PDB file of N, CA and C in Angstrom:
ATOM      1  N   UNK A   1     -36.996   7.102 -19.611  1.00  0.00           N
ATOM      2  CA  UNK A   1     -36.104   7.122 -18.141  1.00  0.00           C
ATOM      3  C   UNK A   1     -35.407   7.812 -18.444  1.00  0.00           C
ATOM      4  N   UNK A   2     -34.828   8.527 -17.286  1.00  0.00           N
ATOM      5  CA  UNK A   2     -33.651   9.466 -16.735  1.00  0.00           C
ATOM      6  C   UNK A   2     -32.471   8.477 -16.740  1.00  0.00           C
ATOM      7  N   UNK A   3     -31.353   8.874 -17.369  1.00  0.00           N
ATOM      8  CA  UNK A   3     -29.927   8.008 -17.008  1.00  0.00           C
ATOM      9  C   UNK A   3     -29.578   8.128 -15.665  1.00  0.00           C
ATOM     10  N   UNK A   4     -29.119   7.076 -15.332  1.00  0.00           N
ATOM     11  CA  UNK A   4     -28.354   7.086 -13.962  1.00  0.00           C
ATOM     12  C   UNK A   4     -26.901   7.420 -14.002  1.00  0.00           C
ATOM     13  N   UNK A   5     -26.733   8.352 -12.887  1.00  0.00           N
ATOM     14  CA  UNK A   5     -25.326   9.183 -12.975  1.00  0.00           C
ATOM     15  C   UNK A   5     -24.478   8.474 -12.361  1.00  0.00           C
ATOM     16  N   UNK A   6     -23.130   8.254 -12.937  1.00  0.00           N
ATOM     17  CA  UNK A   6     -21.989   7.704 -12.113  1.00  0.00           C
ATOM     18  C   UNK A   6     -21.008   8.699 -12.596  1.00  0.00           C
ATOM     19  N   UNK A   7     -20.417   9.274 -11.341  1.00  0.00           N
ATOM     20  CA  UNK A   7     -19.158  10.095 -11.501  1.00  0.00           C
ATOM     21  C   UNK A   7     -17.619   9.605 -11.085  1.00  0.00           C
ATOM     22  N   UNK A   8     -16.831   9.785 -11.484  1.00  0.00           N
ATOM     23  CA  UNK A   8     -15.590   9.035 -11.423  1.00  0.00           C
ATOM     24  C   UNK A   8     -14.687   9.987 -11.080  1.00  0.00           C
ATOM     25  N   UNK A   9     -13.912  10.126  -9.700  1.00  0.00           N
ATOM     26  CA  UNK A   9     -13.257  11.163  -9.402  1.00  0.00           C
ATOM     27  C   UNK A   9     -11.914  10.778 -10.072  1.00  0.00           C
ATOM     28  N   UNK A  10     -11.133  11.825 -10.948  1.00  0.00           N
ATOM     29  CA  UNK A  10      -9.942  11.519 -11.508  1.00  0.00           C
ATOM     30  C   UNK A  10      -8.970  12.643 -10.822  1.00  0.00           C
ATOM     31  N   UNK A  11      -9.222  13.149  -9.570  1.00  0.00           N
ATOM     32  CA  UNK A  11      -8.386  14.054  -9.131  1.00  0.00           C
ATOM     33  C   UNK A  11      -7.062  12.968  -8.764  1.00  0.00           C
ATOM     34  N   UNK A  12      -5.975  13.537  -8.477  1.00  0.00           N
ATOM     35  CA  UNK A  12      -4.457  13.297  -8.404  1.00  0.00           C
ATOM     36  C   UNK A  12      -4.388  11.851  -7.439  1.00  0.00           C
ATOM     37  N   UNK A  13      -5.255  12.246  -6.200  1.00  0.00           N
ATOM     38  CA  UNK A  13      -5.113  11.065  -5.332  1.00  0.00           C
ATOM     39  C   UNK A  13      -6.003   9.909  -5.722  1.00  0.00           C
ATOM     40  N   UNK A  14      -7.284  10.060  -6.168  1.00  0.00           N
ATOM     41  CA  UNK A  14      -7.921   8.811  -6.783  1.00  0.00           C
ATOM     42  C   UNK A  14      -7.386   8.521  -7.798  1.00  0.00           C
ATOM     43  N   UNK A  15      -6.818   9.230  -8.900  1.00  0.00           N
ATOM     44  CA  UNK A  15      -5.992   8.850 -10.037  1.00  0.00           C
ATOM     45  C   UNK A  15      -5.038   7.830  -9.452  1.00  0.00           C
ATOM     46  N   UNK A  16      -4.252   8.210  -8.663  1.00  0.00           N
ATOM     47  CA  UNK A  16      -3.117   7.499  -8.476  1.00  0.00           C
ATOM     48  C   UNK A  16      -3.435   6.161  -7.641  1.00  0.00           C
ATOM     49  N   UNK A  17      -4.669   6.130  -7.031  1.00  0.00           N
ATOM     50  CA  UNK A  17      -5.015   4.861  -6.200  1.00  0.00           C
ATOM     51  C   UNK A  17      -5.789   4.114  -7.184  1.00  0.00           C
ATOM     52  N   UNK A  18      -6.144   4.317  -8.395  1.00  0.00           N
ATOM     53  CA  UNK A  18      -6.375   3.269  -9.274  1.00  0.00           C
ATOM     54  C   UNK A  18      -7.636   3.542 -10.043  1.00  0.00           C
ATOM     55  N   UNK A  19      -8.152   4.975  -9.990  1.00  0.00           N
ATOM     56  CA  UNK A  19      -9.466   5.311 -10.503  1.00  0.00           C
ATOM     57  C   UNK A  19      -9.606   5.239 -12.384  1.00  0.00           C
ATOM     58  N   UNK A  20      -8.558   5.242 -12.804  1.00  0.00           N
ATOM     59  CA  UNK A  20      -8.290   5.023 -14.219  1.00  0.00           C
ATOM     60  C   UNK A  20      -8.435   3.583 -14.769  1.00  0.00           C
ATOM     61  N   UNK A  21      -8.058   2.616 -13.989  1.00  0.00           N
ATOM     62  CA  UNK A  21      -8.400   1.257 -13.846  1.00  0.00           C
ATOM     63  C   UNK A  21      -9.964   0.940 -13.553  1.00  0.00           C
ATOM     64  N   UNK A  22     -10.361   1.638 -12.594  1.00  0.00           N
ATOM     65  CA  UNK A  22     -11.889   1.560 -12.314  1.00  0.00           C
ATOM     66  C   UNK A  22     -12.797   2.005 -12.999  1.00  0.00           C
ATOM     67  N   UNK A  23     -12.375   3.178 -13.675  1.00  0.00           N
ATOM     68  CA  UNK A  23     -13.161   3.601 -14.839  1.00  0.00           C
ATOM     69  C   UNK A  23     -13.296   2.696 -16.114  1.00  0.00           C
ATOM     70  N   UNK A  24     -12.147   2.235 -16.482  1.00  0.00           N
ATOM     71  CA  UNK A  24     -11.847   1.199 -17.596  1.00  0.00           C
ATOM     72  C   UNK A  24     -12.921  -0.285 -16.980  1.00  0.00           C
ATOM     73  N   UNK A  25     -12.936  -0.669 -15.760  1.00  0.00           N
ATOM     74  CA  UNK A  25     -13.695  -1.483 -15.464  1.00  0.00           C
ATOM     75  C   UNK A  25     -15.173  -1.293 -15.462  1.00  0.00           C
ATOM     76  N   UNK A  26     -15.591   0.077 -15.145  1.00  0.00           N
ATOM     77  CA  UNK A  26     -16.796   0.397 -15.057  1.00  0.00           C
ATOM     78  C   UNK A  26     -17.422   0.526 -16.593  1.00  0.00           C
ATOM     79  N   UNK A  27     -16.743   0.764 -17.362  1.00  0.00           N
ATOM     80  CA  UNK A  27     -16.950   1.032 -18.610  1.00  0.00           C
ATOM     81  C   UNK A  27     -17.163  -0.502 -19.396  1.00  0.00           C
ATOM     82  N   UNK A  28     -16.299  -1.329 -19.064  1.00  0.00           N
ATOM     83  CA  UNK A  28     -16.318  -2.919 -19.614  1.00  0.00           C
ATOM     84  C   UNK A  28     -17.485  -3.330 -19.040  1.00  0.00           C
ATOM     85  N   UNK A  29     -18.138  -3.122 -17.882  1.00  0.00           N
ATOM     86  CA  UNK A  29     -19.130  -3.591 -17.119  1.00  0.00           C
ATOM     87  C   UNK A  29     -20.334  -3.132 -17.739  1.00  0.00           C
ATOM     88  N   UNK A  30     -20.390  -2.191 -18.265  1.00  0.00           N
ATOM     89  CA  UNK A  30     -21.550  -1.302 -18.673  1.00  0.00           C
ATOM     90  C   UNK A  30     -21.979  -1.812 -20.310  1.00  0.00           C
ATOM     91  N   UNK A  31     -20.983  -1.824 -20.884  1.00  0.00           N
ATOM     92  CA  UNK A  31     -20.879  -2.601 -22.229  1.00  0.00           C
ATOM     93  C   UNK A  31     -21.406  -4.017 -22.331  1.00  0.00           C
ATOM     94  N   UNK A  32     -20.721  -4.909 -21.380  1.00  0.00           N
ATOM     95  CA  UNK A  32     -21.021  -6.196 -21.163  1.00  0.00           C
ATOM     96  C   UNK A  32     -22.417  -6.502 -20.936  1.00  0.00           C
ATOM     97  N   UNK A  33     -23.074  -5.483 -20.251  1.00  0.00           N
ATOM     98  CA  UNK A  33     -24.572  -5.625 -19.660  1.00  0.00           C
ATOM     99  C   UNK A  33     -25.515  -4.908 -20.496  1.00  0.00           C
ATOM    100  N   UNK A  34     -24.994  -4.249 -21.502  1.00  0.00           N
ATOM    101  CA  UNK A  34     -25.895  -3.377 -22.358  1.00  0.00           C
ATOM    102  C   UNK A  34     -26.429  -2.282 -21.544  1.00  0.00           C
ATOM    103  N   UNK A  35     -25.599  -1.799 -20.853  1.00  0.00           N
ATOM    104  CA  UNK A  35     -25.924  -0.600 -19.939  1.00  0.00           C
ATOM    105  C   UNK A  35     -25.638   1.001 -20.284  1.00  0.00           C
ATOM    106  N   UNK A  36     -24.874   0.954 -21.318  1.00  0.00           N
ATOM    107  CA  UNK A  36     -24.083   1.912 -21.663  1.00  0.00           C
ATOM    108  C   UNK A  36     -24.914   3.489 -22.125  1.00  0.00           C
ATOM    109  N   UNK A  37     -26.223   3.112 -22.517  1.00  0.00           N
ATOM    110  CA  UNK A  37     -27.161   4.059 -22.748  1.00  0.00           C
ATOM    111  C   UNK A  37     -28.197   4.507 -21.541  1.00  0.00           C
ATOM    112  N   UNK A  38     -28.244   3.689 -20.293  1.00  0.00           N
ATOM    113  CA  UNK A  38     -28.802   3.783 -19.263  1.00  0.00           C
ATOM    114  C   UNK A  38     -28.034   4.618 -18.168  1.00  0.00           C
ATOM    115  N   UNK A  39     -26.644   4.292 -18.280  1.00  0.00           N
ATOM    116  CA  UNK A  39     -25.771   5.085 -17.248  1.00  0.00           C
ATOM    117  C   UNK A  39     -24.862   6.116 -17.937  1.00  0.00           C
ATOM    118  N   UNK A  40     -24.913   7.109 -17.528  1.00  0.00           N
ATOM    119  CA  UNK A  40     -24.110   8.464 -18.064  1.00  0.00           C
ATOM    120  C   UNK A  40     -22.784   8.562 -16.868  1.00  0.00           C
ATOM    121  N   UNK A  41     -21.546   8.282 -17.450  1.00  0.00           N
ATOM    122  CA  UNK A  41     -20.346   8.332 -16.652  1.00  0.00           C
ATOM    123  C   UNK A  41     -19.715   9.181 -16.954  1.00  0.00           C
ATOM    124  N   UNK A  42     -19.163  10.194 -16.090  1.00  0.00           N
ATOM    125  CA  UNK A  42     -18.420  11.466 -16.194  1.00  0.00           C
ATOM    126  C   UNK A  42     -17.320  11.496 -15.222  1.00  0.00           C
ATOM    127  N   UNK A  43     -16.550  12.424 -15.478  1.00  0.00           N
ATOM    128  CA  UNK A  43     -15.572  12.399 -14.390  1.00  0.00           C
ATOM    129  C   UNK A  43     -15.288  13.678 -13.660  1.00  0.00           C
ATOM    130  N   UNK A  44     -14.750  13.745 -12.947  1.00  0.00           N
ATOM    131  CA  UNK A  44     -14.537  14.971 -11.796  1.00  0.00           C
ATOM    132  C   UNK A  44     -13.247  15.002 -11.430  1.00  0.00           C
ATOM    133  N   UNK A  45     -12.439  16.288 -11.192  1.00  0.00           N
ATOM    134  CA  UNK A  45     -11.228  16.205 -10.780  1.00  0.00           C
ATOM    135  C   UNK A  45     -11.097  16.369  -9.097  1.00  0.00           C
ATOM    136  N   UNK A  46     -12.135  16.511  -8.587  1.00  0.00           N
ATOM    137  CA  UNK A  46     -11.963  16.314  -7.058  1.00  0.00           C
ATOM    138  C   UNK A  46     -13.340  16.141  -6.383  1.00  0.00           C
ATOM    139  N   UNK A  47     -13.408  15.269  -5.373  1.00  0.00           N
ATOM    140  CA  UNK A  47     -14.699  15.063  -4.762  1.00  0.00           C
ATOM    141  C   UNK A  47     -14.443  15.347  -3.220  1.00  0.00           C
ATOM    142  N   UNK A  48     -13.295  15.962  -2.840  1.00  0.00           N
ATOM    143  CA  UNK A  48     -12.967  16.540  -1.699  1.00  0.00           C
ATOM    144  C   UNK A  48     -12.987  15.511  -0.460  1.00  0.00           C
ATOM    145  N   UNK A  49     -12.495  14.180  -0.940  1.00  0.00           N
ATOM    146  CA  UNK A  49     -12.501  13.193  -0.063  1.00  0.00           C
ATOM    147  C   UNK A  49     -11.108  12.457  -0.376  1.00  0.00           C
ATOM    148  N   UNK A  50     -10.142  13.069  -0.788  1.00  0.00           N
ATOM    149  CA  UNK A  50      -8.862  12.539  -1.248  1.00  0.00           C
ATOM    150  C   UNK A  50      -7.954  11.513  -0.311  1.00  0.00           C
ATOM    151  N   UNK A  51      -8.203  11.662   0.954  1.00  0.00           N
ATOM    152  CA  UNK A  51      -7.820  10.699   1.596  1.00  0.00           C
ATOM    153  C   UNK A  51      -8.579   9.165   1.949  1.00  0.00           C
ATOM    154  N   UNK A  52      -9.594   9.413   1.337  1.00  0.00           N
ATOM    155  CA  UNK A  52     -10.680   8.134   1.391  1.00  0.00           C
ATOM    156  C   UNK A  52     -10.897   7.239   0.125  1.00  0.00           C
ATOM    157  N   UNK A  53     -10.122   7.872  -0.953  1.00  0.00           N
ATOM    158  CA  UNK A  53      -9.857   7.282  -2.547  1.00  0.00           C
ATOM    159  C   UNK A  53      -9.355   6.167  -2.511  1.00  0.00           C
ATOM    160  N   UNK A  54      -9.795   5.614  -3.688  1.00  0.00           N
ATOM    161  CA  UNK A  54     -10.540   6.007  -4.749  1.00  0.00           C
ATOM    162  C   UNK A  54     -11.941   6.230  -4.594  1.00  0.00           C
ATOM    163  N   UNK A  55     -12.497   7.178  -5.243  1.00  0.00           N
ATOM    164  CA  UNK A  55     -13.919   7.612  -5.016  1.00  0.00           C
ATOM    165  C   UNK A  55     -14.616   7.655  -6.117  1.00  0.00           C
ATOM    166  N   UNK A  56     -15.975   7.229  -5.778  1.00  0.00           N
ATOM    167  CA  UNK A  56     -17.027   7.352  -7.204  1.00  0.00           C
ATOM    168  C   UNK A  56     -18.226   7.921  -6.266  1.00  0.00           C
ATOM    169  N   UNK A  57     -19.374   8.474  -7.495  1.00  0.00           N
ATOM    170  CA  UNK A  57     -20.348   8.663  -6.914  1.00  0.00           C
ATOM    171  C   UNK A  57     -21.624   8.241  -7.830  1.00  0.00           C
ATOM    172  N   UNK A  58     -22.452   7.434  -7.233  1.00  0.00           N
ATOM    173  CA  UNK A  58     -23.748   6.738  -8.010  1.00  0.00           C
ATOM    174  C   UNK A  58     -24.839   7.446  -7.552  1.00  0.00           C
ATOM    175  N   UNK A  59     -25.687   8.062  -8.557  1.00  0.00           N
ATOM    176  CA  UNK A  59     -26.753   8.808  -8.181  1.00  0.00           C
ATOM    177  C   UNK A  59     -26.819   9.673  -7.007  1.00  0.00           C
ATOM    178  N   UNK A  60     -25.564  10.420  -6.701  1.00  0.00           N
ATOM    179  CA  UNK A  60     -25.576  11.426  -5.628  1.00  0.00           C
ATOM    180  C   UNK A  60     -24.879  10.906  -4.266  1.00  0.00           C
ATOM    181  N   UNK A  61     -24.730   9.657  -4.604  1.00  0.00           N
ATOM    182  CA  UNK A  61     -24.250   8.867  -3.252  1.00  0.00           C
ATOM    183  C   UNK A  61     -22.738   8.768  -3.316  1.00  0.00           C
ATOM    184  N   UNK A  62     -21.885   9.222  -2.403  1.00  0.00           N
ATOM    185  CA  UNK A  62     -20.540   8.866  -2.573  1.00  0.00           C
ATOM    186  C   UNK A  62     -19.801   7.455  -1.994  1.00  0.00           C
ATOM    187  N   UNK A  63     -19.147   6.946  -2.787  1.00  0.00           N
ATOM    188  CA  UNK A  63     -18.844   5.653  -2.459  1.00  0.00           C
ATOM    189  C   UNK A  63     -16.989   5.706  -2.149  1.00  0.00           C
ATOM    190  N   UNK A  64     -16.402   5.401  -1.223  1.00  0.00           N
ATOM    191  CA  UNK A  64     -15.057   5.568  -1.093  1.00  0.00           C
ATOM    192  C   UNK A  64     -14.202   4.358  -0.945  1.00  0.00           C
ATOM    193  N   UNK A  65     -13.049   4.599  -1.135  1.00  0.00           N
ATOM    194  CA  UNK A  65     -12.078   3.363  -1.204  1.00  0.00           C
ATOM    195  C   UNK A  65     -12.378   2.180  -2.154  1.00  0.00           C
ATOM    196  N   UNK A  66     -12.756   2.603  -3.135  1.00  0.00           N
ATOM    197  CA  UNK A  66     -13.485   1.628  -4.134  1.00  0.00           C
ATOM    198  C   UNK A  66     -12.389   0.624  -4.815  1.00  0.00           C
ATOM    199  N   UNK A  67     -12.503  -0.529  -4.797  1.00  0.00           N
ATOM    200  CA  UNK A  67     -11.397  -1.179  -5.554  1.00  0.00           C
ATOM    201  C   UNK A  67     -12.193  -2.162  -6.598  1.00  0.00           C
ATOM    202  N   UNK A  68     -11.659  -3.200  -7.196  1.00  0.00           N
ATOM    203  CA  UNK A  68     -12.407  -3.939  -8.365  1.00  0.00           C
ATOM    204  C   UNK A  68     -13.570  -4.588  -7.860  1.00  0.00           C
ATOM    205  N   UNK A  69     -13.448  -5.213  -6.553  1.00  0.00           N
ATOM    206  CA  UNK A  69     -14.414  -6.304  -6.166  1.00  0.00           C
ATOM    207  C   UNK A  69     -15.443  -5.089  -5.487  1.00  0.00           C
ATOM    208  N   UNK A  70     -15.462  -4.294  -4.861  1.00  0.00           N
ATOM    209  CA  UNK A  70     -16.261  -3.360  -4.604  1.00  0.00           C
ATOM    210  C   UNK A  70     -17.052  -2.572  -5.532  1.00  0.00           C
ATOM    211  N   UNK A  71     -16.261  -2.385  -6.593  1.00  0.00           N
ATOM    212  CA  UNK A  71     -17.069  -1.571  -7.856  1.00  0.00           C
ATOM    213  C   UNK A  71     -18.016  -2.655  -8.433  1.00  0.00           C
ATOM    214  N   UNK A  72     -17.554  -4.024  -8.805  1.00  0.00           N
ATOM    215  CA  UNK A  72     -18.428  -4.945  -9.244  1.00  0.00           C
ATOM    216  C   UNK A  72     -19.526  -5.085  -8.358  1.00  0.00           C
ATOM    217  N   UNK A  73     -19.475  -5.235  -7.176  1.00  0.00           N
ATOM    218  CA  UNK A  73     -20.575  -5.643  -6.260  1.00  0.00           C
ATOM    219  C   UNK A  73     -21.702  -4.447  -6.253  1.00  0.00           C
ATOM    220  N   UNK A  74     -20.929  -3.239  -6.021  1.00  0.00           N
ATOM    221  CA  UNK A  74     -21.841  -1.878  -6.082  1.00  0.00           C
ATOM    222  C   UNK A  74     -22.724  -2.160  -7.550  1.00  0.00           C
ATOM    223  N   UNK A  75     -21.970  -2.356  -8.749  1.00  0.00           N
ATOM    224  CA  UNK A  75     -22.521  -2.031  -9.987  1.00  0.00           C
ATOM    225  C   UNK A  75     -23.699  -3.413 -10.123  1.00  0.00           C
ATOM    226  N   UNK A  76     -23.373  -4.549  -9.685  1.00  0.00           N
ATOM    227  CA  UNK A  76     -24.314  -5.507  -9.770  1.00  0.00           C
ATOM    228  C   UNK A  76     -25.721  -5.383  -8.837  1.00  0.00           C
ATOM    229  N   UNK A  77     -25.687  -4.692  -7.600  1.00  0.00           N
ATOM    230  CA  UNK A  77     -26.533  -4.218  -6.840  1.00  0.00           C
ATOM    231  C   UNK A  77     -27.277  -3.268  -6.909  1.00  0.00           C
ATOM    232  N   UNK A  78     -26.948  -2.235  -7.976  1.00  0.00           N
ATOM    233  CA  UNK A  78     -27.614  -1.084  -8.309  1.00  0.00           C
ATOM    234  C   UNK A  78     -28.190  -0.904  -9.773  1.00  0.00           C
ATOM    235  N   UNK A  79     -27.217  -1.588 -10.627  1.00  0.00           N
ATOM    236  CA  UNK A  79     -27.451  -1.357 -12.194  1.00  0.00           C
ATOM    237  C   UNK A  79     -28.063  -2.195 -12.558  1.00  0.00           C
ATOM    238  N   UNK A  80     -27.422  -3.885 -12.377  1.00  0.00           N
ATOM    239  CA  UNK A  80     -28.022  -5.000 -12.886  1.00  0.00           C
ATOM    240  C   UNK A  80     -29.352  -5.235 -12.927  1.00  0.00           C
ATOM    241  N   UNK A  81     -29.992  -4.814 -11.488  1.00  0.00           N
ATOM    242  CA  UNK A  81     -31.546  -5.029 -11.164  1.00  0.00           C
ATOM    243  C   UNK A  81     -32.075  -3.891 -11.886  1.00  0.00           C
ATOM    244  N   UNK A  82     -31.674  -2.404 -11.949  1.00  0.00           N
ATOM    245  CA  UNK A  82     -32.497  -1.488 -12.789  1.00  0.00           C
ATOM    246  C   UNK A  82     -32.378  -1.482 -14.272  1.00  0.00           C
ATOM    247  N   UNK A  83     -31.387  -2.240 -14.557  1.00  0.00           N
ATOM    248  CA  UNK A  83     -31.376  -2.403 -16.055  1.00  0.00           C
ATOM    249  C   UNK A  83     -32.022  -3.616 -16.640  1.00  0.00           C
ATOM    250  N   UNK A  84     -32.238  -4.704 -15.555  1.00  0.00           N
ATOM    251  CA  UNK A  84     -32.611  -6.062 -16.027  1.00  0.00           C
ATOM    252  C   UNK A  84     -31.538  -6.856 -16.651  1.00  0.00           C
ATOM    253  N   UNK A  85     -30.245  -6.530 -16.259  1.00  0.00           N
ATOM    254  CA  UNK A  85     -29.584  -7.288 -17.090  1.00  0.00           C
ATOM    255  C   UNK A  85     -28.754  -8.195 -15.521  1.00  0.00           C
ATOM    256  N   UNK A  86     -27.957  -9.102 -15.996  1.00  0.00           N
ATOM    257  CA  UNK A  86     -27.156  -9.901 -14.905  1.00  0.00           C
ATOM    258  C   UNK A  86     -26.141 -10.174 -15.243  1.00  0.00           C
TER     259      UNK A  86
END
């Protein structure tokens, strides 16, 4: 099974709006749900949507304005189901 790709924008706008904390949240979620091997998390310097940040991309789909609650909802909807964890 191919790994799910999750790209976190670490450009200055997204970083200053919280993507460092968001990355830590994502990593903790993956570890807690045993999904570390199923999800490849990488960073990028800019996703060209600075004003809409913080941004991340999951399987090629960009999600803008992500905060803690939105990220947890996204991970539950897209990853828990796929990985069989809840």
